[in-house]
């Protein structure tokens, strides 16, 4: 099963925590009976994707949410295959993502987030690499890009307004950033995917 952050991005803290917890495990062993529940949810997702009836994307997201709930409930020790220092790493990673969500419009530098967390940039990068295999800078860029895409597809706002809301005073700089990341200008992205 594969999907990107644009399709499924939990909006509440509990769902986001659950999603991170499950997605950071490379392996979980389930009893056969318990796995059947997960297989059932995966079959539902497959059928929704195949049939594409009205509301199928919402149905897939709902099944994903149930899948993650069942994974966290059913894995006997969901942290057993986590990165070394798992609880500390995940707690600090969650602190970083919360700071990111609150400050992305004004702060885009790793050094700011590291300072807010009383860490060096090196320590913050170590935490993000251990948690999700990416640098803090890459996660900042991904978050900006995700918010930009959401705004492009979910609002009628002009590109300059979206850029401004994301903290870019220079719209042309925002357009270059977006195009470098996606290969498309914001307007072309909106036209192709709306």
Foldseek 3Di string as FASTA:
>chain_A
DDDDCLLAPDDDPVLNLLVLLQVQAPDFDFDPVLVVVLVVLVVLLVVLVVVVDPPSSVSNNVSVSVNSVSVVVTRPDSCPRAFVVRVVLSVLVSVLVVCLVVCQQPDLDLCVSCVVVVHHLVVQQVSCCRSPNGGPNVVSLVVLLSQLLCCLQPHPDDQCVSCNSSNHPDSVVVQVSNCVVPVDGSVVSSVVPD
